Structure formats: C-alpha cells, structure tokens
Amino acid sequence: MENSLFTFGTQYLRGCSPDRSQWAKDLKLISKLHFNTIRVWLVWGILEPADGVVDFDYIDEILNLAEQNHLRVIFLFHLHGAPEWAIRKYRDCWYVDQYGHPFEPSTR
C-alpha cells in the first residue's frame, strides 16, 4: 500500500447500502479517483443476524477488496442497528424516556 501524507477518504459502506454486488466496482472507482481511505459502518444487525451467528465473510470481503484497491479502512461499529433477536433478548437494555419508562428501539 502506498503511503501518503494525509488521509483522503470517503464514507462508503453503511450496513446494507450499497449492495454487496457493487462493492468491487465502487472500490475500484474510489481508488481511481485517488482516495486512500474508506469508512465502513459495521452494523450489528447485519454482522450478527442470529444470536451467536457472525457473518465474518462480510468483513473479510470488504477488507480484501479494499486491500486490492490500495485503500485503508476505518471501521465504525454502529450499535444502534441492533438485530431483532437482541432487542427481544435484552429488554432491560432498551432506551428509557424522561419518565423512566423503557421503550423499544426503533432502529434496526
């Protein structure tokens, strides 16, 4: 990977968007436009669709494509995209309103 004096990057991946079929084409273009870094959101609900079932292929694929295109990756772990199973399993971790009443998170 070529070193540069500064980071010149863009946010690229946010959970389901863009579609996985577009990653290779997009990262090639990002590199061609002389960006050297992408920011990737690791959305909990995408990475762990079922309790204890982690989609490591998702992470491996974006990292491999980034490496092929000489791009650095910054991960942002996005907990607000909690999976449905976690919302049901951990009800004691729901948000609490100003009156102390728990409410179901709406972001999934």
PDB file of N, CA and C in Angstrom:
ATOM      1  N   MET A   1       0.853  -1.182   0.000  1.00  0.00           N
ATOM      2  CA  MET A   1       0.000   0.000   0.000  1.00  0.00           C
ATOM      3  C   MET A   1       0.894   1.239   0.000  1.00  0.00           C
ATOM      4  N   GLU A   2       0.592   2.139  -0.866  1.00  0.00           N
ATOM      5  CA  GLU A   2       1.351   3.378  -0.969  1.00  0.00           C
ATOM      6  C   GLU A   2       1.028   4.281   0.212  1.00  0.00           C
ATOM      7  N   ASN A   3       2.051   4.860   0.799  1.00  0.00           N
ATOM      8  CA  ASN A   3       1.853   5.792   1.906  1.00  0.00           C
ATOM      9  C   ASN A   3       1.554   7.176   1.360  1.00  0.00           C
ATOM     10  N   SER A   4       0.768   7.920   2.059  1.00  0.00           N
ATOM     11  CA  SER A   4       0.510   9.304   1.689  1.00  0.00           C
ATOM     12  C   SER A   4       0.639  10.156   2.940  1.00  0.00           C
ATOM     13  N   LEU A   5       0.784  11.441   2.722  1.00  0.00           N
ATOM     14  CA  LEU A   5       0.976  12.350   3.843  1.00  0.00           C
ATOM     15  C   LEU A   5      -0.301  12.599   4.629  1.00  0.00           C
ATOM     16  N   PHE A   6      -1.429  12.410   4.011  1.00  0.00           N
ATOM     17  CA  PHE A   6      -2.686  12.663   4.713  1.00  0.00           C
ATOM     18  C   PHE A   6      -3.766  11.698   4.236  1.00  0.00           C
ATOM     19  N   THR A   7      -4.787  11.596   5.054  1.00  0.00           N
ATOM     20  CA  THR A   7      -5.922  10.747   4.724  1.00  0.00           C
ATOM     21  C   THR A   7      -6.868  11.507   3.814  1.00  0.00           C
ATOM     22  N   PHE A   8      -7.198  10.900   2.718  1.00  0.00           N
ATOM     23  CA  PHE A   8      -8.178  11.453   1.790  1.00  0.00           C
ATOM     24  C   PHE A   8      -9.204  10.358   1.582  1.00  0.00           C
ATOM     25  N   GLY A   9     -10.336  10.479   2.263  1.00  0.00           N
ATOM     26  CA  GLY A   9     -11.267   9.364   2.274  1.00  0.00           C
ATOM     27  C   GLY A   9     -12.708   9.748   2.084  1.00  0.00           C
ATOM     28  N   THR A  10     -13.525   8.712   2.097  1.00  0.00           N
ATOM     29  CA  THR A  10     -14.955   8.871   1.935  1.00  0.00           C
ATOM     30  C   THR A  10     -15.676   7.789   2.731  1.00  0.00           C
ATOM     31  N   GLN A  11     -16.884   8.109   3.156  1.00  0.00           N
ATOM     32  CA  GLN A  11     -17.724   7.080   3.771  1.00  0.00           C
ATOM     33  C   GLN A  11     -18.251   6.215   2.654  1.00  0.00           C
ATOM     34  N   TYR A  12     -18.154   4.920   2.813  1.00  0.00           N
ATOM     35  CA  TYR A  12     -18.618   4.053   1.739  1.00  0.00           C
ATOM     36  C   TYR A  12     -19.749   3.121   2.161  1.00  0.00           C
ATOM     37  N   LEU A  13     -19.512   2.280   3.128  1.00  0.00           N
ATOM     38  CA  LEU A  13     -20.449   1.191   3.407  1.00  0.00           C
ATOM     39  C   LEU A  13     -21.242   1.462   4.677  1.00  0.00           C
ATOM     40  N   ARG A  14     -22.572   1.388   4.559  1.00  0.00           N
ATOM     41  CA  ARG A  14     -23.465   1.599   5.707  1.00  0.00           C
ATOM     42  C   ARG A  14     -24.438   0.435   5.812  1.00  0.00           C
ATOM     43  N   GLY A  15     -23.997  -0.660   6.344  1.00  0.00           N
ATOM     44  CA  GLY A  15     -24.882  -1.807   6.524  1.00  0.00           C
ATOM     45  C   GLY A  15     -25.251  -2.453   5.209  1.00  0.00           C
ATOM     46  N   CYS A  16     -26.484  -2.278   4.779  1.00  0.00           N
ATOM     47  CA  CYS A  16     -26.981  -2.896   3.538  1.00  0.00           C
ATOM     48  C   CYS A  16     -26.760  -2.023   2.313  1.00  0.00           C
ATOM     49  N   SER A  17     -26.170  -0.885   2.480  1.00  0.00           N
ATOM     50  CA  SER A  17     -26.076   0.051   1.370  1.00  0.00           C
ATOM     51  C   SER A  17     -24.630   0.498   1.190  1.00  0.00           C
ATOM     52  N   PRO A  18     -24.071   0.438   0.011  1.00  0.00           N
ATOM     53  CA  PRO A  18     -24.640  -0.104  -1.224  1.00  0.00           C
ATOM     54  C   PRO A  18     -24.662  -1.638  -1.223  1.00  0.00           C
ATOM     55  N   ASP A  19     -25.365  -2.178  -2.183  1.00  0.00           N
ATOM     56  CA  ASP A  19     -25.496  -3.624  -2.311  1.00  0.00           C
ATOM     57  C   ASP A  19     -24.118  -4.268  -2.505  1.00  0.00           C
ATOM     58  N   ARG A  20     -23.946  -5.416  -1.929  1.00  0.00           N
ATOM     59  CA  ARG A  20     -22.667  -6.137  -1.969  1.00  0.00           C
ATOM     60  C   ARG A  20     -22.170  -6.362  -3.397  1.00  0.00           C
ATOM     61  N   SER A  21     -23.070  -6.510  -4.336  1.00  0.00           N
ATOM     62  CA  SER A  21     -22.678  -6.742  -5.730  1.00  0.00           C
ATOM     63  C   SER A  21     -21.972  -5.531  -6.337  1.00  0.00           C
ATOM     64  N   GLN A  22     -22.064  -4.374  -5.705  1.00  0.00           N
ATOM     65  CA  GLN A  22     -21.457  -3.143  -6.212  1.00  0.00           C
ATOM     66  C   GLN A  22     -20.078  -2.841  -5.614  1.00  0.00           C
ATOM     67  N   TRP A  23     -19.707  -3.542  -4.556  1.00  0.00           N
ATOM     68  CA  TRP A  23     -18.501  -3.209  -3.824  1.00  0.00           C
ATOM     69  C   TRP A  23     -17.248  -3.169  -4.696  1.00  0.00           C
ATOM     70  N   ALA A  24     -17.008  -4.213  -5.467  1.00  0.00           N
ATOM     71  CA  ALA A  24     -15.771  -4.295  -6.263  1.00  0.00           C
ATOM     72  C   ALA A  24     -15.661  -3.130  -7.240  1.00  0.00           C
ATOM     73  N   LYS A  25     -16.733  -2.860  -7.954  1.00  0.00           N
ATOM     74  CA  LYS A  25     -16.745  -1.763  -8.924  1.00  0.00           C
ATOM     75  C   LYS A  25     -16.550  -0.425  -8.228  1.00  0.00           C
ATOM     76  N   ASP A  26     -17.233  -0.221  -7.129  1.00  0.00           N
ATOM     77  CA  ASP A  26     -17.161   1.056  -6.412  1.00  0.00           C
ATOM     78  C   ASP A  26     -15.778   1.308  -5.819  1.00  0.00           C
ATOM     79  N   LEU A  27     -15.189   0.301  -5.183  1.00  0.00           N
ATOM     80  CA  LEU A  27     -13.878   0.498  -4.575  1.00  0.00           C
ATOM     81  C   LEU A  27     -12.797   0.735  -5.622  1.00  0.00           C
ATOM     82  N   LYS A  28     -12.938   0.098  -6.763  1.00  0.00           N
ATOM     83  CA  LYS A  28     -12.007   0.359  -7.864  1.00  0.00           C
ATOM     84  C   LYS A  28     -12.105   1.819  -8.297  1.00  0.00           C
ATOM     85  N   LEU A  29     -13.317   2.330  -8.413  1.00  0.00           N
ATOM     86  CA  LEU A  29     -13.517   3.733  -8.804  1.00  0.00           C
ATOM     87  C   LEU A  29     -13.006   4.687  -7.720  1.00  0.00           C
ATOM     88  N   ILE A  30     -13.270   4.375  -6.464  1.00  0.00           N
ATOM     89  CA  ILE A  30     -12.801   5.219  -5.359  1.00  0.00           C
ATOM     90  C   ILE A  30     -11.279   5.338  -5.407  1.00  0.00           C
ATOM     91  N   SER A  31     -10.600   4.225  -5.631  1.00  0.00           N
ATOM     92  CA  SER A  31      -9.147   4.237  -5.730  1.00  0.00           C
ATOM     93  C   SER A  31      -8.683   5.022  -6.958  1.00  0.00           C
ATOM     94  N   LYS A  32      -9.356   4.817  -8.063  1.00  0.00           N
ATOM     95  CA  LYS A  32      -9.011   5.525  -9.310  1.00  0.00           C
ATOM     96  C   LYS A  32      -9.145   7.045  -9.141  1.00  0.00           C
ATOM     97  N   LEU A  33     -10.047   7.468  -8.277  1.00  0.00           N
ATOM     98  CA  LEU A  33     -10.231   8.894  -8.003  1.00  0.00           C
ATOM     99  C   LEU A  33      -9.243   9.415  -6.957  1.00  0.00           C
ATOM    100  N   HIS A  34      -8.281   8.576  -6.589  1.00  0.00           N
ATOM    101  CA  HIS A  34      -7.165   8.922  -5.691  1.00  0.00           C
ATOM    102  C   HIS A  34      -7.551   9.071  -4.223  1.00  0.00           C
ATOM    103  N   PHE A  35      -8.673   8.492  -3.816  1.00  0.00           N
ATOM    104  CA  PHE A  35      -8.949   8.376  -2.384  1.00  0.00           C
ATOM    105  C   PHE A  35      -8.023   7.301  -1.848  1.00  0.00           C
ATOM    106  N   ASN A  36      -7.678   7.387  -0.558  1.00  0.00           N
ATOM    107  CA  ASN A  36      -6.828   6.352   0.023  1.00  0.00           C
ATOM    108  C   ASN A  36      -7.476   5.660   1.228  1.00  0.00           C
ATOM    109  N   THR A  37      -8.684   6.085   1.602  1.00  0.00           N
ATOM    110  CA  THR A  37      -9.337   5.566   2.810  1.00  0.00           C
ATOM    111  C   THR A  37     -10.851   5.518   2.608  1.00  0.00           C
ATOM    112  N   ILE A  38     -11.463   4.468   3.146  1.00  0.00           N
ATOM    113  CA  ILE A  38     -12.932   4.412   3.198  1.00  0.00           C
ATOM    114  C   ILE A  38     -13.349   4.178   4.646  1.00  0.00           C
ATOM    115  N   ARG A  39     -14.514   4.711   5.000  1.00  0.00           N
ATOM    116  CA  ARG A  39     -15.084   4.434   6.314  1.00  0.00           C
ATOM    117  C   ARG A  39     -16.222   3.454   6.115  1.00  0.00           C
ATOM    118  N   VAL A  40     -16.215   2.402   6.911  1.00  0.00           N
ATOM    119  CA  VAL A  40     -17.176   1.305   6.801  1.00  0.00           C
ATOM    120  C   VAL A  40     -17.932   1.174   8.118  1.00  0.00           C
ATOM    121  N   TRP A  41     -19.247   1.246   8.046  1.00  0.00           N
ATOM    122  CA  TRP A  41     -20.078   1.040   9.230  1.00  0.00           C
ATOM    123  C   TRP A  41     -20.288  -0.452   9.423  1.00  0.00           C
ATOM    124  N   LEU A  42     -19.926  -0.954  10.590  1.00  0.00           N
ATOM    125  CA  LEU A  42     -20.230  -2.329  10.952  1.00  0.00           C
ATOM    126  C   LEU A  42     -21.517  -2.300  11.773  1.00  0.00           C
ATOM    127  N   VAL A  43     -22.610  -2.581  11.124  1.00  0.00           N
ATOM    128  CA  VAL A  43     -23.930  -2.528  11.754  1.00  0.00           C
ATOM    129  C   VAL A  43     -24.206  -3.883  12.397  1.00  0.00           C
ATOM    130  N   TRP A  44     -24.439  -3.854  13.701  1.00  0.00           N
ATOM    131  CA  TRP A  44     -24.612  -5.083  14.475  1.00  0.00           C
ATOM    132  C   TRP A  44     -25.641  -6.014  13.841  1.00  0.00           C
ATOM    133  N   GLY A  45     -26.775  -5.484  13.440  1.00  0.00           N
ATOM    134  CA  GLY A  45     -27.839  -6.309  12.873  1.00  0.00           C
ATOM    135  C   GLY A  45     -27.470  -6.982  11.556  1.00  0.00           C
ATOM    136  N   ILE A  46     -26.508  -6.434  10.837  1.00  0.00           N
ATOM    137  CA  ILE A  46     -26.023  -7.040   9.598  1.00  0.00           C
ATOM    138  C   ILE A  46     -24.972  -8.100   9.919  1.00  0.00           C
ATOM    139  N   LEU A  47     -24.094  -7.802  10.857  1.00  0.00           N
ATOM    140  CA  LEU A  47     -22.999  -8.708  11.187  1.00  0.00           C
ATOM    141  C   LEU A  47     -23.431  -9.934  11.981  1.00  0.00           C
ATOM    142  N   GLU A  48     -24.450  -9.785  12.822  1.00  0.00           N
ATOM    143  CA  GLU A  48     -24.905 -10.905  13.655  1.00  0.00           C
ATOM    144  C   GLU A  48     -26.418 -11.060  13.507  1.00  0.00           C
ATOM    145  N   PRO A  49     -26.853 -11.618  12.367  1.00  0.00           N
ATOM    146  CA  PRO A  49     -28.294 -11.725  12.108  1.00  0.00           C
ATOM    147  C   PRO A  49     -29.040 -12.657  13.059  1.00  0.00           C
ATOM    148  N   ALA A  50     -28.334 -13.600  13.652  1.00  0.00           N
ATOM    149  CA  ALA A  50     -28.911 -14.501  14.654  1.00  0.00           C
ATOM    150  C   ALA A  50     -27.937 -14.561  15.825  1.00  0.00           C
ATOM    151  N   ASP A  51     -28.445 -14.814  16.998  1.00  0.00           N
ATOM    152  CA  ASP A  51     -27.641 -14.843  18.216  1.00  0.00           C
ATOM    153  C   ASP A  51     -26.454 -15.799  18.055  1.00  0.00           C
ATOM    154  N   GLY A  52     -25.245 -15.256  18.097  1.00  0.00           N
ATOM    155  CA  GLY A  52     -24.040 -16.062  18.005  1.00  0.00           C
ATOM    156  C   GLY A  52     -23.610 -16.418  16.597  1.00  0.00           C
ATOM    157  N   VAL A  53     -24.361 -15.975  15.587  1.00  0.00           N
ATOM    158  CA  VAL A  53     -24.027 -16.257  14.191  1.00  0.00           C
ATOM    159  C   VAL A  53     -23.476 -14.976  13.568  1.00  0.00           C
ATOM    160  N   VAL A  54     -22.150 -14.904  13.421  1.00  0.00           N
ATOM    161  CA  VAL A  54     -21.490 -13.701  12.921  1.00  0.00           C
ATOM    162  C   VAL A  54     -21.072 -13.924  11.466  1.00  0.00           C
ATOM    163  N   ASP A  55     -21.387 -12.965  10.608  1.00  0.00           N
ATOM    164  CA  ASP A  55     -21.045 -13.030   9.189  1.00  0.00           C
ATOM    165  C   ASP A  55     -19.652 -12.435   8.976  1.00  0.00           C
ATOM    166  N   PHE A  56     -18.623 -13.235   9.237  1.00  0.00           N
ATOM    167  CA  PHE A  56     -17.252 -12.767   9.055  1.00  0.00           C
ATOM    168  C   PHE A  56     -16.914 -12.579   7.580  1.00  0.00           C
ATOM    169  N   ASP A  57     -17.629 -13.267   6.686  1.00  0.00           N
ATOM    170  CA  ASP A  57     -17.390 -13.105   5.248  1.00  0.00           C
ATOM    171  C   ASP A  57     -17.631 -11.669   4.811  1.00  0.00           C
ATOM    172  N   TYR A  58     -18.599 -11.013   5.421  1.00  0.00           N
ATOM    173  CA  TYR A  58     -18.917  -9.612   5.126  1.00  0.00           C
ATOM    174  C   TYR A  58     -17.689  -8.732   5.373  1.00  0.00           C
ATOM    175  N   ILE A  59     -17.066  -8.908   6.543  1.00  0.00           N
ATOM    176  CA  ILE A  59     -15.885  -8.121   6.910  1.00  0.00           C
ATOM    177  C   ILE A  59     -14.702  -8.500   6.022  1.00  0.00           C
ATOM    178  N   ASP A  60     -14.491  -9.800   5.834  1.00  0.00           N
ATOM    179  CA  ASP A  60     -13.374 -10.254   5.007  1.00  0.00           C
ATOM    180  C   ASP A  60     -13.478  -9.727   3.581  1.00  0.00           C
ATOM    181  N   GLU A  61     -14.675  -9.754   3.028  1.00  0.00           N
ATOM    182  CA  GLU A  61     -14.849  -9.317   1.645  1.00  0.00           C
ATOM    183  C   GLU A  61     -14.524  -7.836   1.470  1.00  0.00           C
ATOM    184  N   ILE A  62     -15.040  -6.986   2.352  1.00  0.00           N
ATOM    185  CA  ILE A  62     -14.765  -5.554   2.196  1.00  0.00           C
ATOM    186  C   ILE A  62     -13.288  -5.262   2.447  1.00  0.00           C
ATOM    187  N   LEU A  63     -12.662  -5.959   3.391  1.00  0.00           N
ATOM    188  CA  LEU A  63     -11.232  -5.753   3.641  1.00  0.00           C
ATOM    189  C   LEU A  63     -10.377  -6.223   2.470  1.00  0.00           C
ATOM    190  N   ASN A  64     -10.715  -7.357   1.890  1.00  0.00           N
ATOM    191  CA  ASN A  64      -9.960  -7.866   0.734  1.00  0.00           C
ATOM    192  C   ASN A  64     -10.090  -6.926  -0.461  1.00  0.00           C
ATOM    193  N   LEU A  65     -11.286  -6.444  -0.717  1.00  0.00           N
ATOM    194  CA  LEU A  65     -11.486  -5.514  -1.833  1.00  0.00           C
ATOM    195  C   LEU A  65     -10.743  -4.202  -1.595  1.00  0.00           C
ATOM    196  N   ALA A  66     -10.761  -3.738  -0.354  1.00  0.00           N
ATOM    197  CA  ALA A  66     -10.032  -2.509  -0.030  1.00  0.00           C
ATOM    198  C   ALA A  66      -8.534  -2.707  -0.265  1.00  0.00           C
ATOM    199  N   GLU A  67      -8.003  -3.831   0.189  1.00  0.00           N
ATOM    200  CA  GLU A  67      -6.576  -4.103   0.003  1.00  0.00           C
ATOM    201  C   GLU A  67      -6.222  -4.181  -1.487  1.00  0.00           C
ATOM    202  N   GLN A  68      -7.051  -4.858  -2.271  1.00  0.00           N
ATOM    203  CA  GLN A  68      -6.809  -4.969  -3.712  1.00  0.00           C
ATOM    204  C   GLN A  68      -6.758  -3.598  -4.383  1.00  0.00           C
ATOM    205  N   ASN A  69      -7.472  -2.641  -3.800  1.00  0.00           N
ATOM    206  CA  ASN A  69      -7.551  -1.306  -4.386  1.00  0.00           C
ATOM    207  C   ASN A  69      -6.726  -0.270  -3.616  1.00  0.00           C
ATOM    208  N   HIS A  70      -5.834  -0.752  -2.756  1.00  0.00           N
ATOM    209  CA  HIS A  70      -4.900   0.106  -2.009  1.00  0.00           C
ATOM    210  C   HIS A  70      -5.630   1.148  -1.162  1.00  0.00           C
ATOM    211  N   LEU A  71      -6.692   0.710  -0.527  1.00  0.00           N
ATOM    212  CA  LEU A  71      -7.489   1.592   0.325  1.00  0.00           C
ATOM    213  C   LEU A  71      -7.358   1.169   1.785  1.00  0.00           C
ATOM    214  N   ARG A  72      -7.206   2.134   2.654  1.00  0.00           N
ATOM    215  CA  ARG A  72      -7.258   1.876   4.092  1.00  0.00           C
ATOM    216  C   ARG A  72      -8.726   1.842   4.507  1.00  0.00           C
ATOM    217  N   VAL A  73      -9.002   1.190   5.629  1.00  0.00           N
ATOM    218  CA  VAL A  73     -10.373   1.070   6.114  1.00  0.00           C
ATOM    219  C   VAL A  73     -10.450   1.570   7.548  1.00  0.00           C
ATOM    220  N   ILE A  74     -11.425   2.417   7.802  1.00  0.00           N
ATOM    221  CA  ILE A  74     -11.759   2.840   9.160  1.00  0.00           C
ATOM    222  C   ILE A  74     -13.114   2.221   9.476  1.00  0.00           C
ATOM    223  N   PHE A  75     -13.176   1.431  10.550  1.00  0.00           N
ATOM    224  CA  PHE A  75     -14.442   0.818  10.950  1.00  0.00           C
ATOM    225  C   PHE A  75     -15.151   1.676  11.986  1.00  0.00           C
ATOM    226  N   LEU A  76     -16.438   1.792  11.829  1.00  0.00           N
ATOM    227  CA  LEU A  76     -17.307   2.430  12.813  1.00  0.00           C
ATOM    228  C   LEU A  76     -18.318   1.361  13.220  1.00  0.00           C
ATOM    229  N   PHE A  77     -18.243   0.899  14.468  1.00  0.00           N
ATOM    230  CA  PHE A  77     -19.191  -0.116  14.930  1.00  0.00           C
ATOM    231  C   PHE A  77     -20.470   0.579  15.359  1.00  0.00           C
ATOM    232  N   HIS A  78     -21.536   0.300  14.649  1.00  0.00           N
ATOM    233  CA  HIS A  78     -22.804   1.006  14.806  1.00  0.00           C
ATOM    234  C   HIS A  78     -23.778   0.149  15.630  1.00  0.00           C
ATOM    235  N   LEU A  79     -23.857   0.427  16.931  1.00  0.00           N
ATOM    236  CA  LEU A  79     -24.719  -0.365  17.813  1.00  0.00           C
ATOM    237  C   LEU A  79     -26.202  -0.045  17.677  1.00  0.00           C
ATOM    238  N   HIS A  80     -26.537   1.123  17.146  1.00  0.00           N
ATOM    239  CA  HIS A  80     -27.953   1.479  17.034  1.00  0.00           C
ATOM    240  C   HIS A  80     -28.707   0.557  16.082  1.00  0.00           C
ATOM    241  N   GLY A  81     -28.004  -0.103  15.198  1.00  0.00           N
ATOM    242  CA  GLY A  81     -28.649  -1.050  14.286  1.00  0.00           C
ATOM    243  C   GLY A  81     -28.725  -2.426  14.910  1.00  0.00           C
ATOM    244  N   ALA A  82     -29.240  -2.489  16.132  1.00  0.00           N
ATOM    245  CA  ALA A  82     -29.332  -3.760  16.862  1.00  0.00           C
ATOM    246  C   ALA A  82     -30.241  -4.740  16.116  1.00  0.00           C
ATOM    247  N   PRO A  83     -29.858  -6.010  16.110  1.00  0.00           N
ATOM    248  CA  PRO A  83     -30.695  -7.021  15.457  1.00  0.00           C
ATOM    249  C   PRO A  83     -31.970  -7.291  16.267  1.00  0.00           C
ATOM    250  N   GLU A  84     -32.967  -7.746  15.573  1.00  0.00           N
ATOM    251  CA  GLU A  84     -34.259  -8.042  16.212  1.00  0.00           C
ATOM    252  C   GLU A  84     -34.101  -8.998  17.387  1.00  0.00           C
ATOM    253  N   TRP A  85     -33.277 -10.038  17.227  1.00  0.00           N
ATOM    254  CA  TRP A  85     -33.114 -11.014  18.304  1.00  0.00           C
ATOM    255  C   TRP A  85     -32.562 -10.354  19.570  1.00  0.00           C
ATOM    256  N   ALA A  86     -31.650  -9.392  19.435  1.00  0.00           N
ATOM    257  CA  ALA A  86     -31.044  -8.742  20.600  1.00  0.00           C
ATOM    258  C   ALA A  86     -32.041  -7.818  21.293  1.00  0.00           C
ATOM    259  N   ILE A  87     -32.859  -7.155  20.495  1.00  0.00           N
ATOM    260  CA  ILE A  87     -33.871  -6.261  21.066  1.00  0.00           C
ATOM    261  C   ILE A  87     -34.847  -7.052  21.929  1.00  0.00           C
ATOM    262  N   ARG A  88     -35.214  -8.231  21.466  1.00  0.00           N
ATOM    263  CA  ARG A  88     -36.143  -9.087  22.230  1.00  0.00           C
ATOM    264  C   ARG A  88     -35.441  -9.715  23.447  1.00  0.00           C
ATOM    265  N   LYS A  89     -34.188 -10.127  23.272  1.00  0.00           N
ATOM    266  CA  LYS A  89     -33.462 -10.844  24.326  1.00  0.00           C
ATOM    267  C   LYS A  89     -33.041  -9.921  25.467  1.00  0.00           C
ATOM    268  N   TYR A  90     -32.680  -8.678  25.148  1.00  0.00           N
ATOM    269  CA  TYR A  90     -32.123  -7.765  26.148  1.00  0.00           C
ATOM    270  C   TYR A  90     -33.061  -6.580  26.401  1.00  0.00           C
ATOM    271  N   ARG A  91     -34.266  -6.882  26.806  1.00  0.00           N
ATOM    272  CA  ARG A  91     -35.268  -5.833  27.044  1.00  0.00           C
ATOM    273  C   ARG A  91     -34.825  -4.851  28.134  1.00  0.00           C
ATOM    274  N   ASP A  92     -33.983  -5.314  29.046  1.00  0.00           N
ATOM    275  CA  ASP A  92     -33.517  -4.426  30.114  1.00  0.00           C
ATOM    276  C   ASP A  92     -32.496  -3.389  29.601  1.00  0.00           C
ATOM    277  N   CYS A  93     -32.119  -3.485  28.349  1.00  0.00           N
ATOM    278  CA  CYS A  93     -31.173  -2.528  27.749  1.00  0.00           C
ATOM    279  C   CYS A  93     -31.871  -1.544  26.811  1.00  0.00           C
ATOM    280  N   TRP A  94     -33.186  -1.535  26.806  1.00  0.00           N
ATOM    281  CA  TRP A  94     -33.921  -0.595  25.956  1.00  0.00           C
ATOM    282  C   TRP A  94     -33.651   0.833  26.426  1.00  0.00           C
ATOM    283  N   TYR A  95     -33.873   1.770  25.541  1.00  0.00           N
ATOM    284  CA  TYR A  95     -33.791   3.180  25.920  1.00  0.00           C
ATOM    285  C   TYR A  95     -34.840   3.481  26.984  1.00  0.00           C
ATOM    286  N   VAL A  96     -34.596   4.514  27.761  1.00  0.00           N
ATOM    287  CA  VAL A  96     -35.543   4.929  28.797  1.00  0.00           C
ATOM    288  C   VAL A  96     -35.899   6.391  28.538  1.00  0.00           C
ATOM    289  N   ASP A  97     -37.192   6.699  28.588  1.00  0.00           N
ATOM    290  CA  ASP A  97     -37.613   8.081  28.337  1.00  0.00           C
ATOM    291  C   ASP A  97     -37.415   8.946  29.586  1.00  0.00           C
ATOM    292  N   GLN A  98     -37.813  10.196  29.498  1.00  0.00           N
ATOM    293  CA  GLN A  98     -37.590  11.141  30.603  1.00  0.00           C
ATOM    294  C   GLN A  98     -38.340  10.777  31.872  1.00  0.00           C
ATOM    295  N   TYR A  99     -39.329   9.889  31.762  1.00  0.00           N
ATOM    296  CA  TYR A  99     -40.104   9.462  32.925  1.00  0.00           C
ATOM    297  C   TYR A  99     -39.633   8.117  33.475  1.00  0.00           C
ATOM    298  N   GLY A 100     -38.563   7.584  32.880  1.00  0.00           N
ATOM    299  CA  GLY A 100     -38.035   6.303  33.335  1.00  0.00           C
ATOM    300  C   GLY A 100     -38.718   5.096  32.724  1.00  0.00           C
ATOM    301  N   HIS A 101     -39.573   5.313  31.706  1.00  0.00           N
ATOM    302  CA  HIS A 101     -40.262   4.201  31.050  1.00  0.00           C
ATOM    303  C   HIS A 101     -39.425   3.683  29.881  1.00  0.00           C
ATOM    304  N   PRO A 102     -39.158   2.384  29.848  1.00  0.00           N
ATOM    305  CA  PRO A 102     -38.392   1.835  28.722  1.00  0.00           C
ATOM    306  C   PRO A 102     -39.237   1.847  27.449  1.00  0.00           C
ATOM    307  N   PHE A 103     -38.573   2.056  26.327  1.00  0.00           N
ATOM    308  CA  PHE A 103     -39.275   1.963  25.053  1.00  0.00           C
ATOM    309  C   PHE A 103     -38.408   1.211  24.056  1.00  0.00           C
ATOM    310  N   GLU A 104     -39.099   0.517  23.166  1.00  0.00           N
ATOM    311  CA  GLU A 104     -38.427  -0.326  22.189  1.00  0.00           C
ATOM    312  C   GLU A 104     -37.641   0.512  21.200  1.00  0.00           C
ATOM    313  N   PRO A 105     -36.358   0.168  20.977  1.00  0.00           N
ATOM    314  CA  PRO A 105     -35.594   0.904  19.975  1.00  0.00           C
ATOM    315  C   PRO A 105     -36.239   0.750  18.593  1.00  0.00           C
ATOM    316  N   SER A 106     -36.267   1.804  17.835  1.00  0.00           N
ATOM    317  CA  SER A 106     -36.915   1.748  16.530  1.00  0.00           C
ATOM    318  C   SER A 106     -35.952   1.477  15.396  1.00  0.00           C
ATOM    319  N   THR A 107     -34.665   1.715  15.620  1.00  0.00           N
ATOM    320  CA  THR A 107     -33.684   1.490  14.559  1.00  0.00           C
ATOM    321  C   THR A 107     -33.259   0.044  14.537  1.00  0.00           C
ATOM    322  N   ARG A 108     -33.372  -0.563  13.358  1.00  0.00           N
ATOM    323  CA  ARG A 108     -32.933  -1.948  13.192  1.00  0.00           C
ATOM    324  C   ARG A 108     -32.223  -2.067  11.880  1.00  0.00           C
TER     325      ARG A 108
END
